[in-house]
Amino acid sequence: MKVNFNVAFKNFDGSDITEPYEVVEKKIVDGKEMEVTKTDYRPKMISVMVASVLFIGKECKTVEEKMTAFNLSQRIYKAKGAIEISPEDAVLIKRLTAESLIAGAYAQVANLVEDNIKK
């Protein structure tokens, strides 16, 4: 099945959850070019969180499962669109994220995976 994990997490009210990041800009201040750091915001992506949980693999039971979690983590993180995952991958994703994410975040991951299973 193909799943696109590159979607933003939603808050309880349906708005995108955002995270801060720093941007360095060059500006002219008193005639001198200086680097100025400012904080901006971007959507918190499901792909990044799922890849992170899989990378940690806290609930992995075997060495093989750890390797599967790591490889899946890298595929999800690097993907620009939908990727092919197996039913076993889907089970692993749902199991590991169930242990690591809050209810609202887990539900979005599980729904994303399950909606693609139904197709």
PDB file of N, CA and C in Angstrom:
ATOM      1  N   MET A   1       0.845  -1.174   0.000  1.00  0.00           N
ATOM      2  CA  MET A   1       0.000   0.000   0.000  1.00  0.00           C
ATOM      3  C   MET A   1       0.889   1.234   0.000  1.00  0.00           C
ATOM      4  N   LYS A   2       0.402   2.308  -0.575  1.00  0.00           N
ATOM      5  CA  LYS A   2       1.145   3.568  -0.593  1.00  0.00           C
ATOM      6  C   LYS A   2       0.577   4.502   0.464  1.00  0.00           C
ATOM      7  N   VAL A   3       1.491   5.120   1.224  1.00  0.00           N
ATOM      8  CA  VAL A   3       1.089   6.070   2.256  1.00  0.00           C
ATOM      9  C   VAL A   3       1.959   7.311   2.129  1.00  0.00           C
ATOM     10  N   ASN A   4       1.308   8.477   2.149  1.00  0.00           N
ATOM     11  CA  ASN A   4       2.030   9.740   2.148  1.00  0.00           C
ATOM     12  C   ASN A   4       2.033  10.285   3.576  1.00  0.00           C
ATOM     13  N   PHE A   5       3.191  10.216   4.223  1.00  0.00           N
ATOM     14  CA  PHE A   5       3.326  10.700   5.591  1.00  0.00           C
ATOM     15  C   PHE A   5       3.627  12.206   5.635  1.00  0.00           C
ATOM     16  N   ASN A   6       3.795  12.824   4.492  1.00  0.00           N
ATOM     17  CA  ASN A   6       4.133  14.252   4.434  1.00  0.00           C
ATOM     18  C   ASN A   6       2.890  15.120   4.553  1.00  0.00           C
ATOM     19  N   VAL A   7       2.247  15.005   5.702  1.00  0.00           N
ATOM     20  CA  VAL A   7       1.089  15.838   6.013  1.00  0.00           C
ATOM     21  C   VAL A   7       1.283  16.418   7.411  1.00  0.00           C
ATOM     22  N   ALA A   8       0.690  17.565   7.628  1.00  0.00           N
ATOM     23  CA  ALA A   8       0.836  18.242   8.919  1.00  0.00           C
ATOM     24  C   ALA A   8      -0.075  17.619   9.966  1.00  0.00           C
ATOM     25  N   PHE A   9       0.443  17.561  11.194  1.00  0.00           N
ATOM     26  CA  PHE A   9      -0.409  17.198  12.320  1.00  0.00           C
ATOM     27  C   PHE A   9      -1.451  18.286  12.508  1.00  0.00           C
ATOM     28  N   LYS A  10      -2.637  17.900  12.907  1.00  0.00           N
ATOM     29  CA  LYS A  10      -3.719  18.842  13.180  1.00  0.00           C
ATOM     30  C   LYS A  10      -3.980  18.903  14.679  1.00  0.00           C
ATOM     31  N   ASN A  11      -4.357  20.072  15.135  1.00  0.00           N
ATOM     32  CA  ASN A  11      -4.746  20.274  16.517  1.00  0.00           C
ATOM     33  C   ASN A  11      -6.184  19.804  16.689  1.00  0.00           C
ATOM     34  N   PHE A  12      -6.688  19.803  17.893  1.00  0.00           N
ATOM     35  CA  PHE A  12      -8.060  19.355  18.157  1.00  0.00           C
ATOM     36  C   PHE A  12      -9.098  20.170  17.386  1.00  0.00           C
ATOM     37  N   ASP A  13      -8.756  21.411  17.029  1.00  0.00           N
ATOM     38  CA  ASP A  13      -9.697  22.272  16.308  1.00  0.00           C
ATOM     39  C   ASP A  13      -9.510  22.230  14.790  1.00  0.00           C
ATOM     40  N   GLY A  14      -8.624  21.360  14.318  1.00  0.00           N
ATOM     41  CA  GLY A  14      -8.399  21.211  12.883  1.00  0.00           C
ATOM     42  C   GLY A  14      -7.306  22.096  12.313  1.00  0.00           C
ATOM     43  N   SER A  15      -6.753  22.990  13.127  1.00  0.00           N
ATOM     44  CA  SER A  15      -5.670  23.852  12.642  1.00  0.00           C
ATOM     45  C   SER A  15      -4.347  23.081  12.667  1.00  0.00           C
ATOM     46  N   ASP A  16      -3.425  23.475  11.780  1.00  0.00           N
ATOM     47  CA  ASP A  16      -2.108  22.848  11.757  1.00  0.00           C
ATOM     48  C   ASP A  16      -1.364  23.115  13.057  1.00  0.00           C
ATOM     49  N   ILE A  17      -0.704  22.090  13.566  1.00  0.00           N
ATOM     50  CA  ILE A  17       0.205  22.275  14.692  1.00  0.00           C
ATOM     51  C   ILE A  17       1.516  22.784  14.101  1.00  0.00           C
ATOM     52  N   THR A  18       2.067  23.825  14.693  1.00  0.00           N
ATOM     53  CA  THR A  18       3.306  24.400  14.174  1.00  0.00           C
ATOM     54  C   THR A  18       4.435  24.233  15.177  1.00  0.00           C
ATOM     55  N   GLU A  19       5.647  24.367  14.649  1.00  0.00           N
ATOM     56  CA  GLU A  19       6.838  24.317  15.488  1.00  0.00           C
ATOM     57  C   GLU A  19       7.757  25.471  15.080  1.00  0.00           C
ATOM     58  N   PRO A  20       8.469  26.028  16.054  1.00  0.00           N
ATOM     59  CA  PRO A  20       9.359  27.142  15.732  1.00  0.00           C
ATOM     60  C   PRO A  20      10.672  26.640  15.117  1.00  0.00           C
ATOM     61  N   TYR A  21      11.279  27.477  14.299  1.00  0.00           N
ATOM     62  CA  TYR A  21      12.626  27.229  13.792  1.00  0.00           C
ATOM     63  C   TYR A  21      13.284  28.572  13.552  1.00  0.00           C
ATOM     64  N   GLU A  22      14.599  28.562  13.562  1.00  0.00           N
ATOM     65  CA  GLU A  22      15.334  29.818  13.406  1.00  0.00           C
ATOM     66  C   GLU A  22      15.787  30.008  11.973  1.00  0.00           C
ATOM     67  N   VAL A  23      15.699  31.252  11.521  1.00  0.00           N
ATOM     68  CA  VAL A  23      16.128  31.648  10.188  1.00  0.00           C
ATOM     69  C   VAL A  23      17.182  32.744  10.349  1.00  0.00           C
ATOM     70  N   VAL A  24      18.297  32.585   9.649  1.00  0.00           N
ATOM     71  CA  VAL A  24      19.332  33.612   9.686  1.00  0.00           C
ATOM     72  C   VAL A  24      19.224  34.434   8.408  1.00  0.00           C
ATOM     73  N   GLU A  25      19.060  35.732   8.588  1.00  0.00           N
ATOM     74  CA  GLU A  25      18.941  36.643   7.452  1.00  0.00           C
ATOM     75  C   GLU A  25      20.071  37.652   7.506  1.00  0.00           C
ATOM     76  N   LYS A  26      20.508  38.089   6.334  1.00  0.00           N
ATOM     77  CA  LYS A  26      21.513  39.153   6.267  1.00  0.00           C
ATOM     78  C   LYS A  26      20.784  40.474   6.123  1.00  0.00           C
ATOM     79  N   LYS A  27      21.129  41.427   6.993  1.00  0.00           N
ATOM     80  CA  LYS A  27      20.508  42.753   6.957  1.00  0.00           C
ATOM     81  C   LYS A  27      21.606  43.802   7.086  1.00  0.00           C
ATOM     82  N   ILE A  28      21.305  44.959   6.561  1.00  0.00           N
ATOM     83  CA  ILE A  28      22.221  46.099   6.701  1.00  0.00           C
ATOM     84  C   ILE A  28      21.789  46.877   7.946  1.00  0.00           C
ATOM     85  N   VAL A  29      22.691  46.936   8.927  1.00  0.00           N
ATOM     86  CA  VAL A  29      22.425  47.664  10.169  1.00  0.00           C
ATOM     87  C   VAL A  29      23.568  48.672  10.354  1.00  0.00           C
ATOM     88  N   ASP A  30      23.209  49.975  10.394  1.00  0.00           N
ATOM     89  CA  ASP A  30      24.197  51.052  10.515  1.00  0.00           C
ATOM     90  C   ASP A  30      25.292  50.935   9.453  1.00  0.00           C
ATOM     91  N   GLY A  31      24.890  50.578   8.233  1.00  0.00           N
ATOM     92  CA  GLY A  31      25.828  50.513   7.124  1.00  0.00           C
ATOM     93  C   GLY A  31      26.643  49.231   7.065  1.00  0.00           C
ATOM     94  N   LYS A  32      26.455  48.323   8.013  1.00  0.00           N
ATOM     95  CA  LYS A  32      27.197  47.056   8.029  1.00  0.00           C
ATOM     96  C   LYS A  32      26.247  45.890   7.790  1.00  0.00           C
ATOM     97  N   GLU A  33      26.731  44.947   7.007  1.00  0.00           N
ATOM     98  CA  GLU A  33      25.940  43.728   6.794  1.00  0.00           C
ATOM     99  C   GLU A  33      26.096  42.825   8.010  1.00  0.00           C
ATOM    100  N   MET A  34      24.967  42.449   8.586  1.00  0.00           N
ATOM    101  CA  MET A  34      24.980  41.592   9.771  1.00  0.00           C
ATOM    102  C   MET A  34      24.021  40.428   9.567  1.00  0.00           C
ATOM    103  N   GLU A  35      24.295  39.340  10.272  1.00  0.00           N
ATOM    104  CA  GLU A  35      23.374  38.218  10.278  1.00  0.00           C
ATOM    105  C   GLU A  35      22.441  38.376  11.466  1.00  0.00           C
ATOM    106  N   VAL A  36      21.156  38.329  11.176  1.00  0.00           N
ATOM    107  CA  VAL A  36      20.142  38.478  12.207  1.00  0.00           C
ATOM    108  C   VAL A  36      19.327  37.186  12.253  1.00  0.00           C
ATOM    109  N   THR A  37      19.153  36.664  13.446  1.00  0.00           N
ATOM    110  CA  THR A  37      18.381  35.433  13.622  1.00  0.00           C
ATOM    111  C   THR A  37      16.963  35.780  14.046  1.00  0.00           C
ATOM    112  N   LYS A  38      16.012  35.166  13.359  1.00  0.00           N
ATOM    113  CA  LYS A  38      14.622  35.365  13.747  1.00  0.00           C
ATOM    114  C   LYS A  38      13.934  34.009  13.822  1.00  0.00           C
ATOM    115  N   THR A  39      12.876  33.964  14.584  1.00  0.00           N
ATOM    116  CA  THR A  39      12.103  32.735  14.731  1.00  0.00           C
ATOM    117  C   THR A  39      10.925  32.767  13.771  1.00  0.00           C
ATOM    118  N   ASP A  40      10.759  31.668  13.061  1.00  0.00           N
ATOM    119  CA  ASP A  40       9.619  31.514  12.168  1.00  0.00           C
ATOM    120  C   ASP A  40       8.914  30.216  12.566  1.00  0.00           C
ATOM    121  N   TYR A  41       7.797  29.919  11.939  1.00  0.00           N
ATOM    122  CA  TYR A  41       7.023  28.726  12.290  1.00  0.00           C
ATOM    123  C   TYR A  41       6.680  27.938  11.043  1.00  0.00           C
ATOM    124  N   ARG A  42       6.694  26.615  11.180  1.00  0.00           N
ATOM    125  CA  ARG A  42       6.320  25.722  10.082  1.00  0.00           C
ATOM    126  C   ARG A  42       5.422  24.619  10.640  1.00  0.00           C
ATOM    127  N   PRO A  43       4.651  23.973   9.771  1.00  0.00           N
ATOM    128  CA  PRO A  43       3.790  22.880  10.249  1.00  0.00           C
ATOM    129  C   PRO A  43       4.630  21.721  10.790  1.00  0.00           C
ATOM    130  N   LYS A  44       4.166  21.097  11.845  1.00  0.00           N
ATOM    131  CA  LYS A  44       4.814  19.902  12.391  1.00  0.00           C
ATOM    132  C   LYS A  44       4.322  18.716  11.567  1.00  0.00           C
ATOM    133  N   MET A  45       5.240  18.042  10.914  1.00  0.00           N
ATOM    134  CA  MET A  45       4.881  17.019   9.948  1.00  0.00           C
ATOM    135  C   MET A  45       4.828  15.618  10.563  1.00  0.00           C
ATOM    136  N   ILE A  46       3.832  14.857  10.143  1.00  0.00           N
ATOM    137  CA  ILE A  46       3.704  13.479  10.602  1.00  0.00           C
ATOM    138  C   ILE A  46       4.934  12.674  10.199  1.00  0.00           C
ATOM    139  N   SER A  47       5.458  12.912   9.009  1.00  0.00           N
ATOM    140  CA  SER A  47       6.615  12.151   8.530  1.00  0.00           C
ATOM    141  C   SER A  47       7.806  12.267   9.476  1.00  0.00           C
ATOM    142  N   VAL A  48       8.060  13.453   9.969  1.00  0.00           N
ATOM    143  CA  VAL A  48       9.212  13.666  10.851  1.00  0.00           C
ATOM    144  C   VAL A  48       9.006  12.956  12.187  1.00  0.00           C
ATOM    145  N   MET A  49       7.813  13.054  12.738  1.00  0.00           N
ATOM    146  CA  MET A  49       7.546  12.429  14.029  1.00  0.00           C
ATOM    147  C   MET A  49       7.578  10.908  13.922  1.00  0.00           C
ATOM    148  N   VAL A  50       6.949  10.348  12.892  1.00  0.00           N
ATOM    149  CA  VAL A  50       6.946   8.893  12.713  1.00  0.00           C
ATOM    150  C   VAL A  50       8.370   8.395  12.476  1.00  0.00           C
ATOM    151  N   ALA A  51       9.120   9.089  11.635  1.00  0.00           N
ATOM    152  CA  ALA A  51      10.509   8.691  11.383  1.00  0.00           C
ATOM    153  C   ALA A  51      11.319   8.719  12.677  1.00  0.00           C
ATOM    154  N   SER A  52      11.091   9.714  13.506  1.00  0.00           N
ATOM    155  CA  SER A  52      11.802   9.827  14.777  1.00  0.00           C
ATOM    156  C   SER A  52      11.461   8.674  15.721  1.00  0.00           C
ATOM    157  N   VAL A  53      10.184   8.363  15.837  1.00  0.00           N
ATOM    158  CA  VAL A  53       9.750   7.256  16.712  1.00  0.00           C
ATOM    159  C   VAL A  53      10.345   5.935  16.226  1.00  0.00           C
ATOM    160  N   LEU A  54      10.314   5.705  14.915  1.00  0.00           N
ATOM    161  CA  LEU A  54      10.889   4.475  14.365  1.00  0.00           C
ATOM    162  C   LEU A  54      12.396   4.436  14.564  1.00  0.00           C
ATOM    163  N   PHE A  55      13.051   5.562  14.413  1.00  0.00           N
ATOM    164  CA  PHE A  55      14.505   5.640  14.593  1.00  0.00           C
ATOM    165  C   PHE A  55      14.890   5.245  16.019  1.00  0.00           C
ATOM    166  N   ILE A  56      14.129   5.709  16.984  1.00  0.00           N
ATOM    167  CA  ILE A  56      14.400   5.371  18.386  1.00  0.00           C
ATOM    168  C   ILE A  56      14.080   3.897  18.641  1.00  0.00           C
ATOM    169  N   GLY A  57      12.978   3.411  18.102  1.00  0.00           N
ATOM    170  CA  GLY A  57      12.634   1.995  18.191  1.00  0.00           C
ATOM    171  C   GLY A  57      12.548   1.446  19.602  1.00  0.00           C
ATOM    172  N   LYS A  58      12.086   2.270  20.517  1.00  0.00           N
ATOM    173  CA  LYS A  58      12.071   1.930  21.940  1.00  0.00           C
ATOM    174  C   LYS A  58      11.367   0.601  22.237  1.00  0.00           C
ATOM    175  N   GLU A  59      10.320   0.300  21.551  1.00  0.00           N
ATOM    176  CA  GLU A  59       9.534  -0.908  21.839  1.00  0.00           C
ATOM    177  C   GLU A  59       9.868  -2.082  20.906  1.00  0.00           C
ATOM    178  N   CYS A  60      10.942  -1.974  20.131  1.00  0.00           N
ATOM    179  CA  CYS A  60      11.323  -3.077  19.245  1.00  0.00           C
ATOM    180  C   CYS A  60      11.742  -4.286  20.072  1.00  0.00           C
ATOM    181  N   LYS A  61      11.298  -5.459  19.637  1.00  0.00           N
ATOM    182  CA  LYS A  61      11.525  -6.686  20.401  1.00  0.00           C
ATOM    183  C   LYS A  61      12.755  -7.473  19.944  1.00  0.00           C
ATOM    184  N   THR A  62      13.101  -7.372  18.664  1.00  0.00           N
ATOM    185  CA  THR A  62      14.213  -8.166  18.119  1.00  0.00           C
ATOM    186  C   THR A  62      15.159  -7.274  17.321  1.00  0.00           C
ATOM    187  N   VAL A  63      16.322  -7.830  17.017  1.00  0.00           N
ATOM    188  CA  VAL A  63      17.290  -7.118  16.183  1.00  0.00           C
ATOM    189  C   VAL A  63      16.699  -6.869  14.795  1.00  0.00           C
ATOM    190  N   GLU A  64      15.996  -7.849  14.268  1.00  0.00           N
ATOM    191  CA  GLU A  64      15.388  -7.704  12.942  1.00  0.00           C
ATOM    192  C   GLU A  64      14.359  -6.579  12.944  1.00  0.00           C
ATOM    193  N   GLU A  65      13.573  -6.501  14.018  1.00  0.00           N
ATOM    194  CA  GLU A  65      12.576  -5.442  14.122  1.00  0.00           C
ATOM    195  C   GLU A  65      13.245  -4.073  14.224  1.00  0.00           C
ATOM    196  N   LYS A  66      14.356  -4.003  14.939  1.00  0.00           N
ATOM    197  CA  LYS A  66      15.106  -2.741  15.024  1.00  0.00           C
ATOM    198  C   LYS A  66      15.615  -2.314  13.656  1.00  0.00           C
ATOM    199  N   MET A  67      16.130  -3.251  12.884  1.00  0.00           N
ATOM    200  CA  MET A  67      16.627  -2.918  11.543  1.00  0.00           C
ATOM    201  C   MET A  67      15.484  -2.484  10.627  1.00  0.00           C
ATOM    202  N   THR A  68      14.350  -3.167  10.729  1.00  0.00           N
ATOM    203  CA  THR A  68      13.183  -2.787   9.936  1.00  0.00           C
ATOM    204  C   THR A  68      12.726  -1.381  10.309  1.00  0.00           C
ATOM    205  N   ALA A  69      12.668  -1.103  11.611  1.00  0.00           N
ATOM    206  CA  ALA A  69      12.247   0.222  12.079  1.00  0.00           C
ATOM    207  C   ALA A  69      13.204   1.302  11.583  1.00  0.00           C
ATOM    208  N   PHE A  70      14.493   1.043  11.668  1.00  0.00           N
ATOM    209  CA  PHE A  70      15.475   2.027  11.203  1.00  0.00           C
ATOM    210  C   PHE A  70      15.328   2.285   9.708  1.00  0.00           C
ATOM    211  N   ASN A  71      15.276   1.221   8.916  1.00  0.00           N
ATOM    212  CA  ASN A  71      15.181   1.386   7.461  1.00  0.00           C
ATOM    213  C   ASN A  71      13.886   2.089   7.065  1.00  0.00           C
ATOM    214  N   LEU A  72      12.803   1.746   7.723  1.00  0.00           N
ATOM    215  CA  LEU A  72      11.524   2.407   7.462  1.00  0.00           C
ATOM    216  C   LEU A  72      11.594   3.879   7.860  1.00  0.00           C
ATOM    217  N   SER A  73      12.244   4.157   8.971  1.00  0.00           N
ATOM    218  CA  SER A  73      12.441   5.536   9.426  1.00  0.00           C
ATOM    219  C   SER A  73      13.121   6.369   8.343  1.00  0.00           C
ATOM    220  N   GLN A  74      14.172   5.840   7.780  1.00  0.00           N
ATOM    221  CA  GLN A  74      14.918   6.573   6.761  1.00  0.00           C
ATOM    222  C   GLN A  74      14.097   6.772   5.490  1.00  0.00           C
ATOM    223  N   ARG A  75      13.347   5.758   5.090  1.00  0.00           N
ATOM    224  CA  ARG A  75      12.500   5.874   3.892  1.00  0.00           C
ATOM    225  C   ARG A  75      11.433   6.943   4.073  1.00  0.00           C
ATOM    226  N   ILE A  76      10.795   6.939   5.239  1.00  0.00           N
ATOM    227  CA  ILE A  76       9.735   7.918   5.508  1.00  0.00           C
ATOM    228  C   ILE A  76      10.307   9.326   5.563  1.00  0.00           C
ATOM    229  N   TYR A  77      11.419   9.498   6.244  1.00  0.00           N
ATOM    230  CA  TYR A  77      12.008  10.830   6.406  1.00  0.00           C
ATOM    231  C   TYR A  77      12.452  11.424   5.064  1.00  0.00           C
ATOM    232  N   LYS A  78      13.027  10.587   4.210  1.00  0.00           N
ATOM    233  CA  LYS A  78      13.564  11.072   2.927  1.00  0.00           C
ATOM    234  C   LYS A  78      12.510  11.226   1.834  1.00  0.00           C
ATOM    235  N   ALA A  79      11.358  10.606   2.013  1.00  0.00           N
ATOM    236  CA  ALA A  79      10.329  10.601   0.969  1.00  0.00           C
ATOM    237  C   ALA A  79       9.742  11.988   0.756  1.00  0.00           C
ATOM    238  N   LYS A  80       9.484  12.312  -0.484  1.00  0.00           N
ATOM    239  CA  LYS A  80       8.836  13.575  -0.839  1.00  0.00           C
ATOM    240  C   LYS A  80       7.342  13.386  -1.079  1.00  0.00           C
ATOM    241  N   GLY A  81       6.912  12.152  -1.164  1.00  0.00           N
ATOM    242  CA  GLY A  81       5.506  11.848  -1.403  1.00  0.00           C
ATOM    243  C   GLY A  81       5.179  10.499  -0.797  1.00  0.00           C
ATOM    244  N   ALA A  82       4.235   9.797  -1.409  1.00  0.00           N
ATOM    245  CA  ALA A  82       3.799   8.500  -0.903  1.00  0.00           C
ATOM    246  C   ALA A  82       4.889   7.452  -1.087  1.00  0.00           C
ATOM    247  N   ILE A  83       4.981   6.559  -0.106  1.00  0.00           N
ATOM    248  CA  ILE A  83       5.904   5.432  -0.210  1.00  0.00           C
ATOM    249  C   ILE A  83       5.119   4.140  -0.039  1.00  0.00           C
ATOM    250  N   GLU A  84       5.677   3.077  -0.570  1.00  0.00           N
ATOM    251  CA  GLU A  84       5.069   1.760  -0.446  1.00  0.00           C
ATOM    252  C   GLU A  84       5.474   1.167   0.899  1.00  0.00           C
ATOM    253  N   ILE A  85       4.468   0.736   1.684  1.00  0.00           N
ATOM    254  CA  ILE A  85       4.757   0.019   2.926  1.00  0.00           C
ATOM    255  C   ILE A  85       3.964  -1.276   2.926  1.00  0.00           C
ATOM    256  N   SER A  86       4.499  -2.268   3.621  1.00  0.00           N
ATOM    257  CA  SER A  86       3.830  -3.566   3.721  1.00  0.00           C
ATOM    258  C   SER A  86       2.844  -3.551   4.889  1.00  0.00           C
ATOM    259  N   PRO A  87       1.951  -4.524   4.932  1.00  0.00           N
ATOM    260  CA  PRO A  87       1.061  -4.623   6.096  1.00  0.00           C
ATOM    261  C   PRO A  87       1.850  -4.770   7.405  1.00  0.00           C
ATOM    262  N   GLU A  88       2.977  -5.476   7.352  1.00  0.00           N
ATOM    263  CA  GLU A  88       3.830  -5.635   8.540  1.00  0.00           C
ATOM    264  C   GLU A  88       4.426  -4.292   8.961  1.00  0.00           C
ATOM    265  N   ASP A  89       4.820  -3.471   7.975  1.00  0.00           N
ATOM    266  CA  ASP A  89       5.324  -2.123   8.278  1.00  0.00           C
ATOM    267  C   ASP A  89       4.240  -1.300   8.961  1.00  0.00           C
ATOM    268  N   ALA A  90       3.015  -1.405   8.467  1.00  0.00           N
ATOM    269  CA  ALA A  90       1.896  -0.654   9.033  1.00  0.00           C
ATOM    270  C   ALA A  90       1.669  -1.042  10.490  1.00  0.00           C
ATOM    271  N   VAL A  91       1.732  -2.333  10.774  1.00  0.00           N
ATOM    272  CA  VAL A  91       1.560  -2.809  12.153  1.00  0.00           C
ATOM    273  C   VAL A  91       2.674  -2.267  13.037  1.00  0.00           C
ATOM    274  N   LEU A  92       3.910  -2.307  12.553  1.00  0.00           N
ATOM    275  CA  LEU A  92       5.050  -1.799  13.325  1.00  0.00           C
ATOM    276  C   LEU A  92       4.905  -0.298  13.599  1.00  0.00           C
ATOM    277  N   ILE A  93       4.532   0.450  12.592  1.00  0.00           N
ATOM    278  CA  ILE A  93       4.343   1.900  12.757  1.00  0.00           C
ATOM    279  C   ILE A  93       3.282   2.173  13.813  1.00  0.00           C
ATOM    280  N   LYS A  94       2.155   1.498  13.701  1.00  0.00           N
ATOM    281  CA  LYS A  94       1.074   1.748  14.656  1.00  0.00           C
ATOM    282  C   LYS A  94       1.470   1.315  16.067  1.00  0.00           C
ATOM    283  N   ARG A  95       2.167   0.205  16.212  1.00  0.00           N
ATOM    284  CA  ARG A  95       2.566  -0.266  17.541  1.00  0.00           C
ATOM    285  C   ARG A  95       3.560   0.682  18.194  1.00  0.00           C
ATOM    286  N   LEU A  96       4.582   1.093  17.446  1.00  0.00           N
ATOM    287  CA  LEU A  96       5.603   1.957  18.035  1.00  0.00           C
ATOM    288  C   LEU A  96       5.077   3.360  18.316  1.00  0.00           C
ATOM    289  N   THR A  97       4.246   3.881  17.422  1.00  0.00           N
ATOM    290  CA  THR A  97       3.712   5.226  17.672  1.00  0.00           C
ATOM    291  C   THR A  97       2.674   5.213  18.788  1.00  0.00           C
ATOM    292  N   ALA A  98       1.961   4.104  18.969  1.00  0.00           N
ATOM    293  CA  ALA A  98       0.988   4.013  20.064  1.00  0.00           C
ATOM    294  C   ALA A  98       1.673   4.188  21.410  1.00  0.00           C
ATOM    295  N   GLU A  99       2.887   3.693  21.531  1.00  0.00           N
ATOM    296  CA  GLU A  99       3.625   3.783  22.790  1.00  0.00           C
ATOM    297  C   GLU A  99       4.245   5.160  23.003  1.00  0.00           C
ATOM    298  N   SER A 100       4.505   5.887  21.940  1.00  0.00           N
ATOM    299  CA  SER A 100       5.297   7.113  22.036  1.00  0.00           C
ATOM    300  C   SER A 100       4.521   8.415  21.890  1.00  0.00           C
ATOM    301  N   LEU A 101       3.394   8.392  21.211  1.00  0.00           N
ATOM    302  CA  LEU A 101       2.681   9.627  20.896  1.00  0.00           C
ATOM    303  C   LEU A 101       1.457   9.809  21.787  1.00  0.00           C
ATOM    304  N   ILE A 102       1.060  11.062  21.940  1.00  0.00           N
ATOM    305  CA  ILE A 102      -0.191  11.347  22.643  1.00  0.00           C
ATOM    306  C   ILE A 102      -1.351  10.834  21.792  1.00  0.00           C
ATOM    307  N   ALA A 103      -2.512  10.714  22.401  1.00  0.00           N
ATOM    308  CA  ALA A 103      -3.676  10.123  21.733  1.00  0.00           C
ATOM    309  C   ALA A 103      -4.008  10.806  20.406  1.00  0.00           C
ATOM    310  N   GLY A 104      -4.049  12.139  20.401  1.00  0.00           N
ATOM    311  CA  GLY A 104      -4.422  12.860  19.188  1.00  0.00           C
ATOM    312  C   GLY A 104      -3.436  12.663  18.051  1.00  0.00           C
ATOM    313  N   ALA A 105      -2.164  12.609  18.375  1.00  0.00           N
ATOM    314  CA  ALA A 105      -1.139  12.395  17.346  1.00  0.00           C
ATOM    315  C   ALA A 105      -1.187  10.951  16.854  1.00  0.00           C
ATOM    316  N   TYR A 106      -1.298  10.002  17.790  1.00  0.00           N
ATOM    317  CA  TYR A 106      -1.375   8.596  17.399  1.00  0.00           C
ATOM    318  C   TYR A 106      -2.571   8.353  16.475  1.00  0.00           C
ATOM    319  N   ALA A 107      -3.722   8.893  16.830  1.00  0.00           N
ATOM    320  CA  ALA A 107      -4.929   8.686  16.026  1.00  0.00           C
ATOM    321  C   ALA A 107      -4.728   9.166  14.593  1.00  0.00           C
ATOM    322  N   GLN A 108      -4.032  10.281  14.419  1.00  0.00           N
ATOM    323  CA  GLN A 108      -3.791  10.793  13.064  1.00  0.00           C
ATOM    324  C   GLN A 108      -2.882   9.859  12.275  1.00  0.00           C
ATOM    325  N   VAL A 109      -1.864   9.307  12.937  1.00  0.00           N
ATOM    326  CA  VAL A 109      -0.967   8.353  12.276  1.00  0.00           C
ATOM    327  C   VAL A 109      -1.744   7.079  11.926  1.00  0.00           C
ATOM    328  N   ALA A 110      -2.468   6.536  12.903  1.00  0.00           N
ATOM    329  CA  ALA A 110      -3.223   5.298  12.676  1.00  0.00           C
ATOM    330  C   ALA A 110      -4.250   5.491  11.554  1.00  0.00           C
ATOM    331  N   ASN A 111      -4.975   6.614  11.565  1.00  0.00           N
ATOM    332  CA  ASN A 111      -5.959   6.879  10.512  1.00  0.00           C
ATOM    333  C   ASN A 111      -5.303   6.996   9.147  1.00  0.00           C
ATOM    334  N   LEU A 112      -4.151   7.626   9.094  1.00  0.00           N
ATOM    335  CA  LEU A 112      -3.430   7.784   7.831  1.00  0.00           C
ATOM    336  C   LEU A 112      -3.068   6.411   7.268  1.00  0.00           C
ATOM    337  N   VAL A 113      -2.539   5.543   8.109  1.00  0.00           N
ATOM    338  CA  VAL A 113      -2.149   4.204   7.678  1.00  0.00           C
ATOM    339  C   VAL A 113      -3.384   3.378   7.354  1.00  0.00           C
ATOM    340  N   GLU A 114      -4.388   3.379   8.220  1.00  0.00           N
ATOM    341  CA  GLU A 114      -5.575   2.549   8.003  1.00  0.00           C
ATOM    342  C   GLU A 114      -6.390   2.987   6.798  1.00  0.00           C
ATOM    343  N   ASP A 115      -6.454   4.290   6.537  1.00  0.00           N
ATOM    344  CA  ASP A 115      -7.172   4.758   5.347  1.00  0.00           C
ATOM    345  C   ASP A 115      -6.542   4.202   4.084  1.00  0.00           C
ATOM    346  N   ASN A 116      -5.237   4.024   4.087  1.00  0.00           N
ATOM    347  CA  ASN A 116      -4.559   3.475   2.923  1.00  0.00           C
ATOM    348  C   ASN A 116      -4.677   1.957   2.851  1.00  0.00           C
ATOM    349  N   ILE A 117      -4.893   1.308   3.983  1.00  0.00           N
ATOM    350  CA  ILE A 117      -5.119  -0.140   3.983  1.00  0.00           C
ATOM    351  C   ILE A 117      -6.462  -0.443   3.313  1.00  0.00           C
ATOM    352  N   LYS A 118      -7.456   0.411   3.567  1.00  0.00           N
ATOM    353  CA  LYS A 118      -8.816   0.207   3.031  1.00  0.00           C
ATOM    354  C   LYS A 118      -8.895   0.399   1.526  1.00  0.00           C
ATOM    355  N   LYS A 119      -7.956   1.156   0.956  1.00  0.00           N
ATOM    356  CA  LYS A 119      -8.006   1.463  -0.479  1.00  0.00           C
ATOM    357  C   LYS A 119      -7.606   0.285  -1.321  1.00  0.00           C
TER     358      LYS A 119
END
